Amino acid sequence: MYAVIQTGGKQYKVASGDKIKVEKIDAPVGSKVKIPNVLMIYGDNELKIDATELKQAFVRGTILAQGKNKKVIVFKKKRRKGFQKKKGHRQTYTEVLIESINLQD
Protein backbone atom coordinates (compact mmCIF):
# COMPACT_ATOMS: atom_id res chain seq x y z
CA MET A 1 0.00 0.00 0.00
CA TYR A 2 1.28 3.46 -0.84
CA ALA A 3 -0.03 7.00 -0.87
CA VAL A 4 0.74 10.37 -2.41
CA ILE A 5 0.81 13.15 0.19
CA GLN A 6 1.34 16.88 0.01
CA THR A 7 3.33 18.82 2.60
CA GLY A 8 5.39 21.96 2.33
CA GLY A 9 4.11 22.66 -1.18
CA LYS A 10 5.57 19.41 -2.56
CA GLN A 11 4.14 15.97 -3.25
CA TYR A 12 5.70 12.71 -2.04
CA LYS A 13 4.97 9.04 -2.78
CA VAL A 14 5.19 7.21 0.55
CA ALA A 15 4.68 3.72 1.95
CA SER A 16 4.91 2.32 5.46
CA GLY A 17 8.52 2.22 6.63
CA ASP A 18 9.77 4.95 4.26
CA LYS A 19 12.05 7.75 5.45
CA ILE A 20 11.45 11.05 3.66
CA LYS A 21 12.89 14.55 3.94
CA VAL A 22 10.17 17.20 3.86
CA GLU A 23 10.06 20.95 4.42
CA LYS A 24 10.59 21.90 8.06
CA ILE A 25 7.85 20.89 10.50
CA ASP A 26 7.95 22.74 13.82
CA ALA A 27 7.93 19.80 16.24
CA PRO A 28 10.63 18.20 18.40
CA VAL A 29 12.54 15.08 17.37
CA GLY A 30 10.71 11.90 18.39
CA SER A 31 7.23 13.40 18.26
CA LYS A 32 4.39 11.93 16.20
CA VAL A 33 3.01 13.87 13.21
CA LYS A 34 -0.23 13.50 11.30
CA ILE A 35 -0.22 14.55 7.64
CA PRO A 36 -3.83 15.07 6.51
CA ASN A 37 -3.23 16.11 2.89
CA VAL A 38 -3.56 12.73 1.15
CA LEU A 39 -4.04 13.02 -2.62
CA MET A 40 -4.14 9.33 -3.58
CA ILE A 41 -4.04 5.88 -1.99
CA TYR A 42 -3.27 2.61 -3.78
CA GLY A 43 -3.72 -0.71 -2.02
CA ASP A 44 -5.38 -4.11 -2.51
CA ASN A 45 -5.36 -3.52 -6.31
CA GLU A 46 -7.64 -0.54 -5.76
CA LEU A 47 -6.92 3.12 -6.49
CA LYS A 48 -8.62 5.76 -4.35
CA ILE A 49 -8.59 9.31 -5.70
CA ASP A 50 -12.09 10.49 -4.81
CA ALA A 51 -11.96 13.62 -2.62
CA THR A 52 -14.83 12.47 -0.42
CA GLU A 53 -13.07 9.16 0.38
CA LEU A 54 -9.74 10.88 1.03
CA LYS A 55 -11.17 13.64 3.22
CA GLN A 56 -10.71 11.53 6.36
CA ALA A 57 -7.49 9.81 5.21
CA PHE A 58 -4.17 10.70 6.81
CA VAL A 59 -0.59 9.49 7.12
CA ARG A 60 1.04 9.06 10.51
CA GLY A 61 4.79 9.35 11.07
CA THR A 62 7.56 10.03 13.57
CA ILE A 63 10.10 12.84 13.31
CA LEU A 64 13.61 11.37 13.18
CA ALA A 65 15.76 14.47 12.65
CA GLN A 66 15.80 18.20 11.94
CA GLY A 67 18.60 19.59 9.79
CA LYS A 68 19.84 21.67 6.90
CA ASN A 69 20.61 20.61 3.33
CA LYS A 70 23.83 21.42 1.49
CA LYS A 71 24.50 25.05 0.70
CA VAL A 72 23.25 26.35 -2.64
CA ILE A 73 25.32 29.21 -4.09
CA VAL A 74 23.40 31.94 -5.94
CA PHE A 75 25.77 33.99 -8.12
CA LYS A 76 24.57 36.90 -10.26
CA LYS A 77 26.72 38.85 -12.69
CA LYS A 78 26.13 41.43 -15.40
CA ARG A 79 28.90 41.48 -17.90
CA ARG A 80 30.84 44.68 -18.60
CA LYS A 81 29.08 46.47 -15.71
CA GLY A 82 31.20 45.39 -12.76
CA PHE A 83 28.14 43.95 -11.00
CA GLN A 84 28.57 40.73 -9.04
CA LYS A 85 26.49 39.36 -6.21
CA LYS A 86 27.08 36.09 -4.36
CA LYS A 87 24.70 34.60 -1.82
CA GLY A 88 24.33 31.23 -0.17
CA HIS A 89 21.26 29.43 1.14
CA ARG A 90 20.75 26.30 3.25
CA GLN A 91 17.19 24.95 3.26
CA THR A 92 15.94 23.38 6.48
CA TYR A 93 14.30 19.96 6.42
CA THR A 94 12.61 17.43 8.68
CA GLU A 95 13.24 13.71 8.27
CA VAL A 96 10.07 11.69 8.87
CA LEU A 97 9.60 7.92 9.24
CA ILE A 98 6.23 6.92 7.78
CA GLU A 99 4.45 4.51 10.11
CA SER A 100 0.98 4.01 8.66
CA ILE A 101 -1.48 5.09 6.00
CA ASN A 102 -5.02 5.34 7.40
CA LEU A 103 -8.31 5.78 5.57
CA GLN A 104 -10.33 6.92 8.60
CA ASP A 105 -9.76 8.30 12.11
PDB file of N, CA and C in Angstrom:
ATOM      1  N   MET A   1       0.847  -1.174   0.000  1.00  0.00           N
ATOM      2  CA  MET A   1       0.000   0.000   0.000  1.00  0.00           C
ATOM      3  C   MET A   1       0.893   1.239   0.000  1.00  0.00           C
ATOM      4  N   TYR A   2       0.569   2.194  -0.846  1.00  0.00           N
ATOM      5  CA  TYR A   2       1.284   3.463  -0.839  1.00  0.00           C
ATOM      6  C   TYR A   2       0.310   4.606  -1.049  1.00  0.00           C
ATOM      7  N   ALA A   3       0.811   5.816  -0.758  1.00  0.00           N
ATOM      8  CA  ALA A   3      -0.026   7.002  -0.871  1.00  0.00           C
ATOM      9  C   ALA A   3       0.801   8.144  -1.437  1.00  0.00           C
ATOM     10  N   VAL A   4       0.112   9.126  -1.983  1.00  0.00           N
ATOM     11  CA  VAL A   4       0.745  10.373  -2.412  1.00  0.00           C
ATOM     12  C   VAL A   4       0.231  11.453  -1.467  1.00  0.00           C
ATOM     13  N   ILE A   5       1.180  12.112  -0.777  1.00  0.00           N
ATOM     14  CA  ILE A   5       0.815  13.146   0.190  1.00  0.00           C
ATOM     15  C   ILE A   5       1.382  14.480  -0.260  1.00  0.00           C
ATOM     16  N   GLN A   6       0.844  15.543   0.296  1.00  0.00           N
ATOM     17  CA  GLN A   6       1.341  16.882   0.009  1.00  0.00           C
ATOM     18  C   GLN A   6       1.674  17.566   1.325  1.00  0.00           C
ATOM     19  N   THR A   7       2.904  18.058   1.434  1.00  0.00           N
ATOM     20  CA  THR A   7       3.334  18.821   2.601  1.00  0.00           C
ATOM     21  C   THR A   7       4.440  19.761   2.174  1.00  0.00           C
ATOM     22  N   GLY A   8       4.382  20.974   2.673  1.00  0.00           N
ATOM     23  CA  GLY A   8       5.395  21.962   2.327  1.00  0.00           C
ATOM     24  C   GLY A   8       5.368  22.381   0.869  1.00  0.00           C
ATOM     25  N   GLY A   9       4.226  22.256   0.213  1.00  0.00           N
ATOM     26  CA  GLY A   9       4.113  22.661  -1.180  1.00  0.00           C
ATOM     27  C   GLY A   9       4.651  21.637  -2.167  1.00  0.00           C
ATOM     28  N   LYS A  10       5.036  20.463  -1.688  1.00  0.00           N
ATOM     29  CA  LYS A  10       5.568  19.414  -2.562  1.00  0.00           C
ATOM     30  C   LYS A  10       4.782  18.132  -2.345  1.00  0.00           C
ATOM     31  N   GLN A  11       4.851  17.235  -3.340  1.00  0.00           N
ATOM     32  CA  GLN A  11       4.144  15.966  -3.250  1.00  0.00           C
ATOM     33  C   GLN A  11       5.152  14.834  -3.123  1.00  0.00           C
ATOM     34  N   TYR A  12       4.813  13.829  -2.303  1.00  0.00           N
ATOM     35  CA  TYR A  12       5.702  12.707  -2.043  1.00  0.00           C
ATOM     36  C   TYR A  12       4.920  11.408  -2.144  1.00  0.00           C
ATOM     37  N   LYS A  13       5.543  10.385  -2.764  1.00  0.00           N
ATOM     38  CA  LYS A  13       4.972   9.043  -2.785  1.00  0.00           C
ATOM     39  C   LYS A  13       5.557   8.305  -1.590  1.00  0.00           C
ATOM     40  N   VAL A  14       4.718   7.829  -0.683  1.00  0.00           N
ATOM     41  CA  VAL A  14       5.189   7.209   0.549  1.00  0.00           C
ATOM     42  C   VAL A  14       4.509   5.861   0.773  1.00  0.00           C
ATOM     43  N   ALA A  15       5.212   4.999   1.504  1.00  0.00           N
ATOM     44  CA  ALA A  15       4.678   3.716   1.950  1.00  0.00           C
ATOM     45  C   ALA A  15       5.119   3.531   3.390  1.00  0.00           C
ATOM     46  N   SER A  16       4.537   2.581   4.071  1.00  0.00           N
ATOM     47  CA  SER A  16       4.913   2.321   5.458  1.00  0.00           C
ATOM     48  C   SER A  16       6.378   1.913   5.536  1.00  0.00           C
ATOM     49  N   GLY A  17       7.105   2.527   6.470  1.00  0.00           N
ATOM     50  CA  GLY A  17       8.519   2.223   6.633  1.00  0.00           C
ATOM     51  C   GLY A  17       9.458   3.137   5.864  1.00  0.00           C
ATOM     52  N   ASP A  18       8.934   4.025   5.032  1.00  0.00           N
ATOM     53  CA  ASP A  18       9.774   4.953   4.261  1.00  0.00           C
ATOM     54  C   ASP A  18      10.294   6.079   5.145  1.00  0.00           C
ATOM     55  N   LYS A  19      11.506   6.553   4.824  1.00  0.00           N
ATOM     56  CA  LYS A  19      12.054   7.753   5.447  1.00  0.00           C
ATOM     57  C   LYS A  19      12.093   8.820   4.366  1.00  0.00           C
ATOM     58  N   ILE A  20      11.454   9.967   4.639  1.00  0.00           N
ATOM     59  CA  ILE A  20      11.446  11.046   3.656  1.00  0.00           C
ATOM     60  C   ILE A  20      11.917  12.337   4.314  1.00  0.00           C
ATOM     61  N   LYS A  21      12.495  13.221   3.490  1.00  0.00           N
ATOM     62  CA  LYS A  21      12.886  14.549   3.940  1.00  0.00           C
ATOM     63  C   LYS A  21      11.874  15.534   3.375  1.00  0.00           C
ATOM     64  N   VAL A  22      11.190  16.239   4.268  1.00  0.00           N
ATOM     65  CA  VAL A  22      10.167  17.204   3.865  1.00  0.00           C
ATOM     66  C   VAL A  22      10.570  18.586   4.358  1.00  0.00           C
ATOM     67  N   GLU A  23       9.837  19.605   3.916  1.00  0.00           N
ATOM     68  CA  GLU A  23      10.061  20.951   4.425  1.00  0.00           C
ATOM     69  C   GLU A  23       9.898  20.950   5.934  1.00  0.00           C
ATOM     70  N   LYS A  24      10.536  21.893   6.602  1.00  0.00           N
ATOM     71  CA  LYS A  24      10.590  21.903   8.065  1.00  0.00           C
ATOM     72  C   LYS A  24       9.208  21.886   8.700  1.00  0.00           C
ATOM     73  N   ILE A  25       9.046  20.973   9.666  1.00  0.00           N
ATOM     74  CA  ILE A  25       7.848  20.885  10.496  1.00  0.00           C
ATOM     75  C   ILE A  25       8.272  21.289  11.898  1.00  0.00           C
ATOM     76  N   ASP A  26       7.589  22.263  12.488  1.00  0.00           N
ATOM     77  CA  ASP A  26       7.948  22.744  13.825  1.00  0.00           C
ATOM     78  C   ASP A  26       7.437  21.791  14.897  1.00  0.00           C
ATOM     79  N   ALA A  27       8.240  20.770  15.184  1.00  0.00           N
ATOM     80  CA  ALA A  27       7.933  19.804  16.238  1.00  0.00           C
ATOM     81  C   ALA A  27       9.255  19.183  16.677  1.00  0.00           C
ATOM     82  N   PRO A  28       9.364  18.770  17.930  1.00  0.00           N
ATOM     83  CA  PRO A  28      10.626  18.200  18.398  1.00  0.00           C
ATOM     84  C   PRO A  28      10.875  16.802  17.827  1.00  0.00           C
ATOM     85  N   VAL A  29      12.145  16.400  17.836  1.00  0.00           N
ATOM     86  CA  VAL A  29      12.537  15.077  17.365  1.00  0.00           C
ATOM     87  C   VAL A  29      11.901  14.025  18.268  1.00  0.00           C
ATOM     88  N   GLY A  30      11.353  12.974  17.647  1.00  0.00           N
ATOM     89  CA  GLY A  30      10.709  11.900  18.393  1.00  0.00           C
ATOM     90  C   GLY A  30       9.203  12.050  18.510  1.00  0.00           C
ATOM     91  N   SER A  31       8.681  13.207  18.140  1.00  0.00           N
ATOM     92  CA  SER A  31       7.231  13.395  18.260  1.00  0.00           C
ATOM     93  C   SER A  31       6.508  12.791  17.056  1.00  0.00           C
ATOM     94  N   LYS A  32       5.237  12.499  17.249  1.00  0.00           N
ATOM     95  CA  LYS A  32       4.391  11.932  16.195  1.00  0.00           C
ATOM     96  C   LYS A  32       3.758  13.072  15.395  1.00  0.00           C
ATOM     97  N   VAL A  33       3.666  12.881  14.072  1.00  0.00           N
ATOM     98  CA  VAL A  33       3.009  13.866  13.214  1.00  0.00           C
ATOM     99  C   VAL A  33       1.903  13.183  12.421  1.00  0.00           C
ATOM    100  N   LYS A  34       0.897  13.970  12.107  1.00  0.00           N
ATOM    101  CA  LYS A  34      -0.231  13.496  11.300  1.00  0.00           C
ATOM    102  C   LYS A  34      -0.303  14.388  10.076  1.00  0.00           C
ATOM    103  N   ILE A  35      -0.178  13.795   8.891  1.00  0.00           N
ATOM    104  CA  ILE A  35      -0.217  14.553   7.639  1.00  0.00           C
ATOM    105  C   ILE A  35      -1.579  14.293   6.985  1.00  0.00           C
ATOM    106  N   PRO A  36      -2.466  15.299   6.992  1.00  0.00           N
ATOM    107  CA  PRO A  36      -3.833  15.068   6.515  1.00  0.00           C
ATOM    108  C   PRO A  36      -4.024  15.253   5.008  1.00  0.00           C
ATOM    109  N   ASN A  37      -3.059  15.832   4.317  1.00  0.00           N
ATOM    110  CA  ASN A  37      -3.232  16.114   2.890  1.00  0.00           C
ATOM    111  C   ASN A  37      -2.849  14.893   2.056  1.00  0.00           C
ATOM    112  N   VAL A  38      -3.771  13.945   1.939  1.00  0.00           N
ATOM    113  CA  VAL A  38      -3.558  12.733   1.148  1.00  0.00           C
ATOM    114  C   VAL A  38      -4.251  12.938  -0.190  1.00  0.00           C
ATOM    115  N   LEU A  39      -3.496  12.785  -1.282  1.00  0.00           N
ATOM    116  CA  LEU A  39      -4.043  13.021  -2.618  1.00  0.00           C
ATOM    117  C   LEU A  39      -4.490  11.735  -3.302  1.00  0.00           C
ATOM    118  N   MET A  40      -3.832  10.599  -2.933  1.00  0.00           N
ATOM    119  CA  MET A  40      -4.141   9.329  -3.581  1.00  0.00           C
ATOM    120  C   MET A  40      -3.688   8.192  -2.685  1.00  0.00           C
ATOM    121  N   ILE A  41      -4.434   7.092  -2.702  1.00  0.00           N
ATOM    122  CA  ILE A  41      -4.039   5.880  -1.987  1.00  0.00           C
ATOM    123  C   ILE A  41      -4.210   4.701  -2.935  1.00  0.00           C
ATOM    124  N   TYR A  42      -3.184   3.831  -2.981  1.00  0.00           N
ATOM    125  CA  TYR A  42      -3.269   2.612  -3.780  1.00  0.00           C
ATOM    126  C   TYR A  42      -2.977   1.430  -2.875  1.00  0.00           C
ATOM    127  N   GLY A  43      -3.901   0.493  -2.816  1.00  0.00           N
ATOM    128  CA  GLY A  43      -3.716  -0.711  -2.024  1.00  0.00           C
ATOM    129  C   GLY A  43      -4.779  -1.725  -2.351  1.00  0.00           C
ATOM    130  N   ASP A  44      -4.457  -3.012  -2.215  1.00  0.00           N
ATOM    131  CA  ASP A  44      -5.384  -4.105  -2.511  1.00  0.00           C
ATOM    132  C   ASP A  44      -5.896  -4.027  -3.951  1.00  0.00           C
ATOM    133  N   ASN A  45      -5.009  -3.674  -4.891  1.00  0.00           N
ATOM    134  CA  ASN A  45      -5.364  -3.522  -6.312  1.00  0.00           C
ATOM    135  C   ASN A  45      -6.516  -2.553  -6.515  1.00  0.00           C
ATOM    136  N   GLU A  46      -6.569  -1.531  -5.687  1.00  0.00           N
ATOM    137  CA  GLU A  46      -7.638  -0.543  -5.762  1.00  0.00           C
ATOM    138  C   GLU A  46      -7.036   0.852  -5.613  1.00  0.00           C
ATOM    139  N   LEU A  47      -7.406   1.743  -6.500  1.00  0.00           N
ATOM    140  CA  LEU A  47      -6.917   3.117  -6.491  1.00  0.00           C
ATOM    141  C   LEU A  47      -8.004   4.032  -5.946  1.00  0.00           C
ATOM    142  N   LYS A  48      -7.656   4.817  -4.942  1.00  0.00           N
ATOM    143  CA  LYS A  48      -8.618   5.756  -4.353  1.00  0.00           C
ATOM    144  C   LYS A  48      -8.137   7.180  -4.625  1.00  0.00           C
ATOM    145  N   ILE A  49      -8.926   7.922  -5.410  1.00  0.00           N
ATOM    146  CA  ILE A  49      -8.585   9.312  -5.702  1.00  0.00           C
ATOM    147  C   ILE A  49      -9.773  10.251  -5.476  1.00  0.00           C
ATOM    148  N   ASP A  50     -10.883   9.695  -5.046  1.00  0.00           N
ATOM    149  CA  ASP A  50     -12.086  10.491  -4.811  1.00  0.00           C
ATOM    150  C   ASP A  50     -11.890  11.384  -3.581  1.00  0.00           C
ATOM    151  N   ALA A  51     -12.188  12.661  -3.712  1.00  0.00           N
ATOM    152  CA  ALA A  51     -11.964  13.621  -2.624  1.00  0.00           C
ATOM    153  C   ALA A  51     -12.804  13.313  -1.397  1.00  0.00           C
ATOM    154  N   THR A  52     -13.996  12.779  -1.583  1.00  0.00           N
ATOM    155  CA  THR A  52     -14.833  12.465  -0.422  1.00  0.00           C
ATOM    156  C   THR A  52     -14.276  11.286   0.366  1.00  0.00           C
ATOM    157  N   GLU A  53     -13.689  10.297  -0.317  1.00  0.00           N
ATOM    158  CA  GLU A  53     -13.073   9.162   0.378  1.00  0.00           C
ATOM    159  C   GLU A  53     -11.800   9.588   1.100  1.00  0.00           C
ATOM    160  N   LEU A  54     -11.040  10.485   0.489  1.00  0.00           N
ATOM    161  CA  LEU A  54      -9.736  10.881   1.032  1.00  0.00           C
ATOM    162  C   LEU A  54      -9.827  12.008   2.051  1.00  0.00           C
ATOM    163  N   LYS A  55     -11.020  12.533   2.283  1.00  0.00           N
ATOM    164  CA  LYS A  55     -11.171  13.642   3.220  1.00  0.00           C
ATOM    165  C   LYS A  55     -10.768  13.237   4.639  1.00  0.00           C
ATOM    166  N   GLN A  56     -11.045  12.009   5.031  1.00  0.00           N
ATOM    167  CA  GLN A  56     -10.709  11.526   6.364  1.00  0.00           C
ATOM    168  C   GLN A  56      -9.381  10.776   6.402  1.00  0.00           C
ATOM    169  N   ALA A  57      -8.749  10.558   5.261  1.00  0.00           N
ATOM    170  CA  ALA A  57      -7.486   9.812   5.212  1.00  0.00           C
ATOM    171  C   ALA A  57      -6.332  10.666   5.735  1.00  0.00           C
ATOM    172  N   PHE A  58      -5.359  10.005   6.329  1.00  0.00           N
ATOM    173  CA  PHE A  58      -4.168  10.697   6.806  1.00  0.00           C
ATOM    174  C   PHE A  58      -3.002   9.719   6.888  1.00  0.00           C
ATOM    175  N   VAL A  59      -1.812  10.281   6.987  1.00  0.00           N
ATOM    176  CA  VAL A  59      -0.587   9.491   7.118  1.00  0.00           C
ATOM    177  C   VAL A  59       0.038   9.854   8.454  1.00  0.00           C
ATOM    178  N   ARG A  60       0.433   8.832   9.204  1.00  0.00           N
ATOM    179  CA  ARG A  60       1.041   9.058  10.514  1.00  0.00           C
ATOM    180  C   ARG A  60       2.529   8.718  10.428  1.00  0.00           C
ATOM    181  N   GLY A  61       3.344   9.569  11.084  1.00  0.00           N
ATOM    182  CA  GLY A  61       4.787   9.354  11.071  1.00  0.00           C
ATOM    183  C   GLY A  61       5.450   9.860  12.335  1.00  0.00           C
ATOM    184  N   THR A  62       6.758   9.596  12.440  1.00  0.00           N
ATOM    185  CA  THR A  62       7.559  10.028  13.571  1.00  0.00           C
ATOM    186  C   THR A  62       8.712  10.865  13.047  1.00  0.00           C
ATOM    187  N   ILE A  63       8.999  11.975  13.716  1.00  0.00           N
ATOM    188  CA  ILE A  63      10.104  12.837  13.310  1.00  0.00           C
ATOM    189  C   ILE A  63      11.407  12.217  13.798  1.00  0.00           C
ATOM    190  N   LEU A  64      12.318  11.966  12.857  1.00  0.00           N
ATOM    191  CA  LEU A  64      13.610  11.369  13.184  1.00  0.00           C
ATOM    192  C   LEU A  64      14.702  12.412  13.377  1.00  0.00           C
ATOM    193  N   ALA A  65      14.678  13.485  12.575  1.00  0.00           N
ATOM    194  CA  ALA A  65      15.755  14.473  12.648  1.00  0.00           C
ATOM    195  C   ALA A  65      15.297  15.796  12.063  1.00  0.00           C
ATOM    196  N   GLN A  66      15.946  16.859  12.514  1.00  0.00           N
ATOM    197  CA  GLN A  66      15.798  18.202  11.936  1.00  0.00           C
ATOM    198  C   GLN A  66      17.185  18.586  11.434  1.00  0.00           C
ATOM    199  N   GLY A  67      17.277  19.235  10.288  1.00  0.00           N
ATOM    200  CA  GLY A  67      18.599  19.589   9.786  1.00  0.00           C
ATOM    201  C   GLY A  67      18.540  20.588   8.659  1.00  0.00           C
ATOM    202  N   LYS A  68      19.715  20.772   8.040  1.00  0.00           N
ATOM    203  CA  LYS A  68      19.839  21.666   6.898  1.00  0.00           C
ATOM    204  C   LYS A  68      20.490  20.917   5.742  1.00  0.00           C
ATOM    205  N   ASN A  69      20.026  21.207   4.528  1.00  0.00           N
ATOM    206  CA  ASN A  69      20.609  20.612   3.326  1.00  0.00           C
ATOM    207  C   ASN A  69      21.937  21.280   2.999  1.00  0.00           C
ATOM    208  N   LYS A  70      22.582  20.801   1.940  1.00  0.00           N
ATOM    209  CA  LYS A  70      23.826  21.417   1.489  1.00  0.00           C
ATOM    210  C   LYS A  70      23.575  22.843   1.027  1.00  0.00           C
ATOM    211  N   LYS A  71      24.618  23.656   1.096  1.00  0.00           N
ATOM    212  CA  LYS A  71      24.499  25.053   0.700  1.00  0.00           C
ATOM    213  C   LYS A  71      24.366  25.174  -0.818  1.00  0.00           C
ATOM    214  N   VAL A  72      23.454  26.033  -1.231  1.00  0.00           N
ATOM    215  CA  VAL A  72      23.251  26.354  -2.637  1.00  0.00           C
ATOM    216  C   VAL A  72      23.799  27.757  -2.853  1.00  0.00           C
ATOM    217  N   ILE A  73      24.717  27.912  -3.792  1.00  0.00           N
ATOM    218  CA  ILE A  73      25.316  29.215  -4.092  1.00  0.00           C
ATOM    219  C   ILE A  73      24.510  29.891  -5.196  1.00  0.00           C
ATOM    220  N   VAL A  74      24.109  31.131  -4.945  1.00  0.00           N
ATOM    221  CA  VAL A  74      23.399  31.937  -5.940  1.00  0.00           C
ATOM    222  C   VAL A  74      24.351  33.042  -6.363  1.00  0.00           C
ATOM    223  N   PHE A  75      24.808  33.014  -7.626  1.00  0.00           N
ATOM    224  CA  PHE A  75      25.768  33.994  -8.119  1.00  0.00           C
ATOM    225  C   PHE A  75      25.154  34.728  -9.290  1.00  0.00           C
ATOM    226  N   LYS A  76      25.117  36.071  -9.200  1.00  0.00           N
ATOM    227  CA  LYS A  76      24.567  36.904 -10.265  1.00  0.00           C
ATOM    228  C   LYS A  76      25.670  37.812 -10.787  1.00  0.00           C
ATOM    229  N   LYS A  77      25.701  38.001 -12.090  1.00  0.00           N
ATOM    230  CA  LYS A  77      26.719  38.852 -12.693  1.00  0.00           C
ATOM    231  C   LYS A  77      26.163  39.488 -13.958  1.00  0.00           C
ATOM    232  N   LYS A  78      26.472  40.744 -14.144  1.00  0.00           N
ATOM    233  CA  LYS A  78      26.133  41.431 -15.397  1.00  0.00           C
ATOM    234  C   LYS A  78      27.447  41.781 -16.069  1.00  0.00           C
ATOM    235  N   ARG A  79      27.622  41.290 -17.243  1.00  0.00           N
ATOM    236  CA  ARG A  79      28.903  41.483 -17.904  1.00  0.00           C
ATOM    237  C   ARG A  79      29.124  42.940 -18.304  1.00  0.00           C
ATOM    238  N   ARG A  80      30.355  43.334 -18.230  1.00  0.00           N
ATOM    239  CA  ARG A  80      30.835  44.679 -18.597  1.00  0.00           C
ATOM    240  C   ARG A  80      30.269  45.779 -17.694  1.00  0.00           C
ATOM    241  N   LYS A  81      29.642  45.463 -16.604  1.00  0.00           N
ATOM    242  CA  LYS A  81      29.075  46.474 -15.710  1.00  0.00           C
ATOM    243  C   LYS A  81      29.762  46.484 -14.350  1.00  0.00           C
ATOM    244  N   GLY A  82      30.547  45.471 -14.054  1.00  0.00           N
ATOM    245  CA  GLY A  82      31.202  45.391 -12.760  1.00  0.00           C
ATOM    246  C   GLY A  82      30.273  44.949 -11.649  1.00  0.00           C
ATOM    247  N   PHE A  83      29.116  44.375 -11.996  1.00  0.00           N
ATOM    248  CA  PHE A  83      28.142  43.949 -10.997  1.00  0.00           C
ATOM    249  C   PHE A  83      28.278  42.455 -10.729  1.00  0.00           C
ATOM    250  N   GLN A  84      28.535  42.119  -9.471  1.00  0.00           N
ATOM    251  CA  GLN A  84      28.566  40.726  -9.044  1.00  0.00           C
ATOM    252  C   GLN A  84      27.913  40.624  -7.671  1.00  0.00           C
ATOM    253  N   LYS A  85      27.127  39.590  -7.502  1.00  0.00           N
ATOM    254  CA  LYS A  85      26.487  39.359  -6.211  1.00  0.00           C
ATOM    255  C   LYS A  85      26.533  37.862  -5.930  1.00  0.00           C
ATOM    256  N   LYS A  86      26.988  37.499  -4.731  1.00  0.00           N
ATOM    257  CA  LYS A  86      27.082  36.092  -4.364  1.00  0.00           C
ATOM    258  C   LYS A  86      26.368  35.887  -3.040  1.00  0.00           C
ATOM    259  N   LYS A  87      25.439  34.946  -3.028  1.00  0.00           N
ATOM    260  CA  LYS A  87      24.699  34.604  -1.816  1.00  0.00           C
ATOM    261  C   LYS A  87      24.651  33.095  -1.670  1.00  0.00           C
ATOM    262  N   GLY A  88      24.485  32.648  -0.438  1.00  0.00           N
ATOM    263  CA  GLY A  88      24.332  31.228  -0.169  1.00  0.00           C
ATOM    264  C   GLY A  88      23.032  30.988   0.582  1.00  0.00           C
ATOM    265  N   HIS A  89      22.521  29.766   0.461  1.00  0.00           N
ATOM    266  CA  HIS A  89      21.263  29.430   1.141  1.00  0.00           C
ATOM    267  C   HIS A  89      21.298  27.968   1.534  1.00  0.00           C
ATOM    268  N   ARG A  90      20.890  27.666   2.787  1.00  0.00           N
ATOM    269  CA  ARG A  90      20.746  26.297   3.253  1.00  0.00           C
ATOM    270  C   ARG A  90      19.301  26.089   3.688  1.00  0.00           C
ATOM    271  N   GLN A  91      18.601  25.217   2.973  1.00  0.00           N
ATOM    272  CA  GLN A  91      17.193  24.951   3.257  1.00  0.00           C
ATOM    273  C   GLN A  91      17.070  23.980   4.426  1.00  0.00           C
ATOM    274  N   THR A  92      16.171  24.276   5.350  1.00  0.00           N
ATOM    275  CA  THR A  92      15.941  23.382   6.479  1.00  0.00           C
ATOM    276  C   THR A  92      14.991  22.250   6.066  1.00  0.00           C
ATOM    277  N   TYR A  93      15.154  21.095   6.715  1.00  0.00           N
ATOM    278  CA  TYR A  93      14.300  19.956   6.422  1.00  0.00           C
ATOM    279  C   TYR A  93      13.973  19.203   7.707  1.00  0.00           C
ATOM    280  N   THR A  94      12.986  18.342   7.610  1.00  0.00           N
ATOM    281  CA  THR A  94      12.613  17.431   8.684  1.00  0.00           C
ATOM    282  C   THR A  94      12.576  16.030   8.091  1.00  0.00           C
ATOM    283  N   GLU A  95      13.262  15.099   8.728  1.00  0.00           N
ATOM    284  CA  GLU A  95      13.240  13.708   8.271  1.00  0.00           C
ATOM    285  C   GLU A  95      12.145  12.974   9.033  1.00  0.00           C
ATOM    286  N   VAL A  96      11.234  12.339   8.282  1.00  0.00           N
ATOM    287  CA  VAL A  96      10.067  11.691   8.870  1.00  0.00           C
ATOM    288  C   VAL A  96      10.058  10.208   8.488  1.00  0.00           C
ATOM    289  N   LEU A  97       9.792   9.354   9.473  1.00  0.00           N
ATOM    290  CA  LEU A  97       9.599   7.923   9.241  1.00  0.00           C
ATOM    291  C   LEU A  97       8.099   7.681   9.141  1.00  0.00           C
ATOM    292  N   ILE A  98       7.645   7.175   7.992  1.00  0.00           N
ATOM    293  CA  ILE A  98       6.231   6.920   7.776  1.00  0.00           C
ATOM    294  C   ILE A  98       5.857   5.618   8.468  1.00  0.00           C
ATOM    295  N   GLU A  99       4.869   5.689   9.347  1.00  0.00           N
ATOM    296  CA  GLU A  99       4.455   4.512  10.111  1.00  0.00           C
ATOM    297  C   GLU A  99       3.224   3.836   9.523  1.00  0.00           C
ATOM    298  N   SER A 100       2.209   4.628   9.164  1.00  0.00           N
ATOM    299  CA  SER A 100       0.981   4.012   8.665  1.00  0.00           C
ATOM    300  C   SER A 100       0.232   4.960   7.750  1.00  0.00           C
ATOM    301  N   ILE A 101      -0.581   4.355   6.885  1.00  0.00           N
ATOM    302  CA  ILE A 101      -1.484   5.086   6.002  1.00  0.00           C
ATOM    303  C   ILE A 101      -2.888   4.673   6.406  1.00  0.00           C
ATOM    304  N   ASN A 102      -3.678   5.637   6.867  1.00  0.00           N
ATOM    305  CA  ASN A 102      -5.015   5.338   7.397  1.00  0.00           C
ATOM    306  C   ASN A 102      -6.092   5.976   6.540  1.00  0.00           C
ATOM    307  N   LEU A 103      -7.188   5.245   6.347  1.00  0.00           N
ATOM    308  CA  LEU A 103      -8.311   5.782   5.568  1.00  0.00           C
ATOM    309  C   LEU A 103      -9.292   6.568   6.421  1.00  0.00           C
ATOM    310  N   GLN A 104      -9.392   6.223   7.712  1.00  0.00           N
ATOM    311  CA  GLN A 104     -10.329   6.917   8.596  1.00  0.00           C
ATOM    312  C   GLN A 104      -9.699   7.111   9.955  1.00  0.00           C
ATOM    313  N   ASP A 105     -10.266   8.042  10.743  1.00  0.00           N
ATOM    314  CA  ASP A 105      -9.758   8.296  12.105  1.00  0.00           C
ATOM    315  C   ASP A 105      -9.940   7.100  13.008  1.00  0.00           C
TER     316      ASP A 105
END
